[in-house]
PDB file of N, CA and C in Angstrom:
ATOM      1  N   MET A   1      20.441 147.138  31.359  1.00  0.00           N
ATOM      2  CA  MET A   1      19.473 146.521  31.262  1.00  0.00           C
ATOM      3  C   MET A   1      18.790 146.711  29.942  1.00  0.00           C
ATOM      4  N   PHE A   2      17.887 146.161  29.853  1.00  0.00           N
ATOM      5  CA  PHE A   2      16.889 146.313  28.339  1.00  0.00           C
ATOM      6  C   PHE A   2      15.794 145.557  28.856  1.00  0.00           C
ATOM      7  N   GLY A   3      14.563 146.284  28.158  1.00  0.00           N
ATOM      8  CA  GLY A   3      13.279 145.692  28.694  1.00  0.00           C
ATOM      9  C   GLY A   3      12.139 146.413  28.003  1.00  0.00           C
ATOM     10  N   ALA A   4      11.065 146.008  28.285  1.00  0.00           N
ATOM     11  CA  ALA A   4       9.807 146.420  27.136  1.00  0.00           C
ATOM     12  C   ALA A   4       8.683 145.836  28.188  1.00  0.00           C
ATOM     13  N   ASN A   5       7.477 146.670  28.474  1.00  0.00           N
ATOM     14  CA  ASN A   5       6.557 146.727  29.240  1.00  0.00           C
ATOM     15  C   ASN A   5       5.329 147.642  29.032  1.00  0.00           C
ATOM     16  N   ASN A   6       4.247 147.022  29.663  1.00  0.00           N
ATOM     17  CA  ASN A   6       2.827 148.096  29.423  1.00  0.00           C
ATOM     18  C   ASN A   6       2.572 148.629  30.653  1.00  0.00           C
ATOM     19  N   MET A   7       3.415 148.630  31.336  1.00  0.00           N
ATOM     20  CA  MET A   7       2.827 149.572  32.728  1.00  0.00           C
ATOM     21  C   MET A   7       2.558 150.749  32.682  1.00  0.00           C
ATOM     22  N   ARG A   8       1.318 151.444  33.516  1.00  0.00           N
ATOM     23  CA  ARG A   8       1.119 152.706  33.437  1.00  0.00           C
ATOM     24  C   ARG A   8       1.019 153.442  32.177  1.00  0.00           C
ATOM     25  N   ILE A   9       1.864 153.252  31.660  1.00  0.00           N
ATOM     26  CA  ILE A   9       1.731 154.252  29.928  1.00  0.00           C
ATOM     27  C   ILE A   9       1.640 153.681  29.014  1.00  0.00           C
ATOM     28  N   GLY A  10       1.328 152.493  28.848  1.00  0.00           N
ATOM     29  CA  GLY A  10       1.152 151.840  27.615  1.00  0.00           C
ATOM     30  C   GLY A  10       2.469 151.199  26.829  1.00  0.00           C
ATOM     31  N   TRP A  11       2.472 150.382  25.894  1.00  0.00           N
ATOM     32  CA  TRP A  11       3.538 149.665  25.616  1.00  0.00           C
ATOM     33  C   TRP A  11       4.725 150.689  25.516  1.00  0.00           C
ATOM     34  N   HIS A  12       6.140 150.148  26.389  1.00  0.00           N
ATOM     35  CA  HIS A  12       7.060 151.179  25.911  1.00  0.00           C
ATOM     36  C   HIS A  12       8.713 150.092  26.009  1.00  0.00           C
ATOM     37  N   LEU A  13       9.776 150.790  25.619  1.00  0.00           N
ATOM     38  CA  LEU A  13      10.987 150.362  25.494  1.00  0.00           C
ATOM     39  C   LEU A  13      11.838 151.019  26.383  1.00  0.00           C
ATOM     40  N   HIS A  14      12.583 150.228  26.863  1.00  0.00           N
ATOM     41  CA  HIS A  14      13.317 150.621  28.150  1.00  0.00           C
ATOM     42  C   HIS A  14      14.858 150.173  27.322  1.00  0.00           C
ATOM     43  N   PRO A  15      15.494 151.295  26.593  1.00  0.00           N
ATOM     44  CA  PRO A  15      16.805 151.024  25.774  1.00  0.00           C
ATOM     45  C   PRO A  15      18.348 150.640  26.751  1.00  0.00           C
ATOM     46  N   PHE A  16      18.872 149.628  26.199  1.00  0.00           N
ATOM     47  CA  PHE A  16      20.260 149.457  27.067  1.00  0.00           C
ATOM     48  C   PHE A  16      20.551 150.724  27.441  1.00  0.00           C
ATOM     49  N   GLY A  17      21.279 150.913  28.636  1.00  0.00           N
ATOM     50  CA  GLY A  17      21.990 151.663  29.121  1.00  0.00           C
ATOM     51  C   GLY A  17      21.136 153.178  29.465  1.00  0.00           C
ATOM     52  N   GLU A  18      19.678 153.147  29.051  1.00  0.00           N
ATOM     53  CA  GLU A  18      18.911 154.227  29.468  1.00  0.00           C
ATOM     54  C   GLU A  18      17.814 153.856  29.894  1.00  0.00           C
ATOM     55  N   GLU A  19      18.057 153.001  31.165  1.00  0.00           N
ATOM     56  CA  GLU A  19      16.834 152.270  31.527  1.00  0.00           C
ATOM     57  C   GLU A  19      15.853 153.019  31.661  1.00  0.00           C
ATOM     58  N   GLU A  20      15.883 154.720  32.301  1.00  0.00           N
ATOM     59  CA  GLU A  20      14.884 155.549  32.729  1.00  0.00           C
ATOM     60  C   GLU A  20      14.186 156.213  31.662  1.00  0.00           C
ATOM     61  N   LYS A  21      14.444 155.847  30.268  1.00  0.00           N
ATOM     62  CA  LYS A  21      14.060 156.381  28.876  1.00  0.00           C
ATOM     63  C   LYS A  21      12.938 155.067  28.785  1.00  0.00           C
ATOM     64  N   HIS A  22      11.823 155.576  28.478  1.00  0.00           N
ATOM     65  CA  HIS A  22      10.644 155.155  27.518  1.00  0.00           C
ATOM     66  C   HIS A  22      10.200 155.310  26.282  1.00  0.00           C
ATOM     67  N   VAL A  23      10.200 154.430  25.548  1.00  0.00           N
ATOM     68  CA  VAL A  23      10.420 154.789  24.027  1.00  0.00           C
ATOM     69  C   VAL A  23       9.293 154.096  23.659  1.00  0.00           C
ATOM     70  N   PRO A  24       7.931 154.717  23.049  1.00  0.00           N
ATOM     71  CA  PRO A  24       6.597 153.989  22.977  1.00  0.00           C
ATOM     72  C   PRO A  24       6.919 153.238  21.678  1.00  0.00           C
ATOM     73  N   ILE A  25       6.259 151.940  21.954  1.00  0.00           N
ATOM     74  CA  ILE A  25       6.357 151.024  20.977  1.00  0.00           C
ATOM     75  C   ILE A  25       4.722 150.258  20.869  1.00  0.00           C
ATOM     76  N   GLU A  26       4.764 149.213  19.551  1.00  0.00           N
ATOM     77  CA  GLU A  26       3.348 148.696  19.564  1.00  0.00           C
ATOM     78  C   GLU A  26       3.549 147.615  20.442  1.00  0.00           C
ATOM     79  N   PRO A  27       2.148 147.007  20.825  1.00  0.00           N
ATOM     80  CA  PRO A  27       2.032 145.738  21.576  1.00  0.00           C
ATOM     81  C   PRO A  27       3.230 144.566  21.169  1.00  0.00           C
ATOM     82  N   LEU A  28       3.796 143.858  21.729  1.00  0.00           N
ATOM     83  CA  LEU A  28       4.814 142.973  22.006  1.00  0.00           C
ATOM     84  C   LEU A  28       4.469 141.880  22.241  1.00  0.00           C
ATOM     85  N   GLU A  29       4.604 140.439  21.494  1.00  0.00           N
ATOM     86  CA  GLU A  29       4.611 139.345  21.935  1.00  0.00           C
ATOM     87  C   GLU A  29       6.144 138.893  22.415  1.00  0.00           C
ATOM     88  N   ILE A  30       5.918 137.864  23.189  1.00  0.00           N
ATOM     89  CA  ILE A  30       7.431 137.439  23.829  1.00  0.00           C
ATOM     90  C   ILE A  30       8.324 137.140  23.006  1.00  0.00           C
ATOM     91  N   GLU A  31       7.873 136.704  21.597  1.00  0.00           N
ATOM     92  CA  GLU A  31       8.598 136.162  20.535  1.00  0.00           C
ATOM     93  C   GLU A  31       9.315 137.185  19.895  1.00  0.00           C
ATOM     94  N   ASP A  32       8.630 138.205  19.886  1.00  0.00           N
ATOM     95  CA  ASP A  32       9.001 139.515  18.981  1.00  0.00           C
ATOM     96  C   ASP A  32      10.294 140.142  19.997  1.00  0.00           C
ATOM     97  N   PHE A  33      10.191 140.042  21.432  1.00  0.00           N
ATOM     98  CA  PHE A  33      10.980 140.542  22.316  1.00  0.00           C
ATOM     99  C   PHE A  33      12.306 140.111  22.088  1.00  0.00           C
ATOM    100  N   LEU A  34      12.032 138.694  22.770  1.00  0.00           N
ATOM    101  CA  LEU A  34      13.415 137.892  22.365  1.00  0.00           C
ATOM    102  C   LEU A  34      14.373 138.099  21.293  1.00  0.00           C
ATOM    103  N   LYS A  35      13.992 138.293  20.069  1.00  0.00           N
ATOM    104  CA  LYS A  35      14.156 138.618  18.777  1.00  0.00           C
ATOM    105  C   LYS A  35      15.009 139.877  18.818  1.00  0.00           C
ATOM    106  N   MET A  36      14.213 140.846  19.572  1.00  0.00           N
ATOM    107  CA  MET A  36      14.770 142.497  19.612  1.00  0.00           C
ATOM    108  C   MET A  36      16.072 142.141  20.436  1.00  0.00           C
ATOM    109  N   LEU A  37      16.044 141.462  21.612  1.00  0.00           N
ATOM    110  CA  LEU A  37      17.230 141.235  22.461  1.00  0.00           C
ATOM    111  C   LEU A  37      18.244 140.528  22.180  1.00  0.00           C
ATOM    112  N   GLU A  38      17.993 139.202  21.025  1.00  0.00           N
ATOM    113  CA  GLU A  38      19.208 138.723  20.177  1.00  0.00           C
ATOM    114  C   GLU A  38      19.618 139.866  19.394  1.00  0.00           C
ATOM    115  N   GLU A  39      19.043 140.593  18.525  1.00  0.00           N
ATOM    116  CA  GLU A  39      19.820 141.584  17.752  1.00  0.00           C
ATOM    117  C   GLU A  39      20.602 142.611  18.699  1.00  0.00           C
ATOM    118  N   GLU A  40      19.817 142.833  19.577  1.00  0.00           N
ATOM    119  CA  GLU A  40      20.680 143.920  20.563  1.00  0.00           C
ATOM    120  C   GLU A  40      21.846 143.182  21.076  1.00  0.00           C
ATOM    121  N   LEU A  41      21.730 142.134  21.452  1.00  0.00           N
ATOM    122  CA  LEU A  41      23.103 141.463  21.984  1.00  0.00           C
ATOM    123  C   LEU A  41      24.208 140.897  20.940  1.00  0.00           C
ATOM    124  N   LYS A  42      24.032 140.647  19.925  1.00  0.00           N
ATOM    125  CA  LYS A  42      24.599 141.072  18.723  1.00  0.00           C
ATOM    126  C   LYS A  42      25.148 142.114  18.206  1.00  0.00           C
ATOM    127  N   LYS A  43      24.838 143.134  18.330  1.00  0.00           N
ATOM    128  CA  LYS A  43      25.039 144.372  18.141  1.00  0.00           C
ATOM    129  C   LYS A  43      26.343 144.713  19.277  1.00  0.00           C
ATOM    130  N   ARG A  44      26.207 143.968  20.252  1.00  0.00           N
ATOM    131  CA  ARG A  44      26.990 144.504  21.243  1.00  0.00           C
ATOM    132  C   ARG A  44      28.030 143.477  21.547  1.00  0.00           C
ATOM    133  N   LYS A  45      28.034 142.453  20.541  1.00  0.00           N
ATOM    134  CA  LYS A  45      28.774 141.394  20.483  1.00  0.00           C
ATOM    135  C   LYS A  45      28.994 140.743  21.543  1.00  0.00           C
ATOM    136  N   LYS A  46      27.735 140.508  22.501  1.00  0.00           N
ATOM    137  CA  LYS A  46      27.719 139.728  23.433  1.00  0.00           C
ATOM    138  C   LYS A  46      27.058 138.208  23.238  1.00  0.00           C
ATOM    139  N   LEU A  47      26.405 137.917  22.000  1.00  0.00           N
ATOM    140  CA  LEU A  47      26.015 136.877  21.316  1.00  0.00           C
ATOM    141  C   LEU A  47      26.387 136.704  19.795  1.00  0.00           C
ATOM    142  N   THR A  48      26.978 135.328  19.926  1.00  0.00           N
ATOM    143  CA  THR A  48      27.545 135.131  18.349  1.00  0.00           C
ATOM    144  C   THR A  48      26.377 134.368  17.754  1.00  0.00           C
ATOM    145  N   ALA A  49      26.486 134.574  16.366  1.00  0.00           N
ATOM    146  CA  ALA A  49      25.801 133.360  15.393  1.00  0.00           C
ATOM    147  C   ALA A  49      24.316 133.297  16.120  1.00  0.00           C
TER     148      ALA A  49
END
């Protein structure tokens, strides 16, 4: 799982494989989140080009 939200504690990221972790981030637009997701998937070779 990989995600970002602003529930309860402000904007934060849930990194792949560490869903319970809350990494503070700046407010995020959906387009920016999708770019982050794309890069994460490329790193894991789950998405090409």
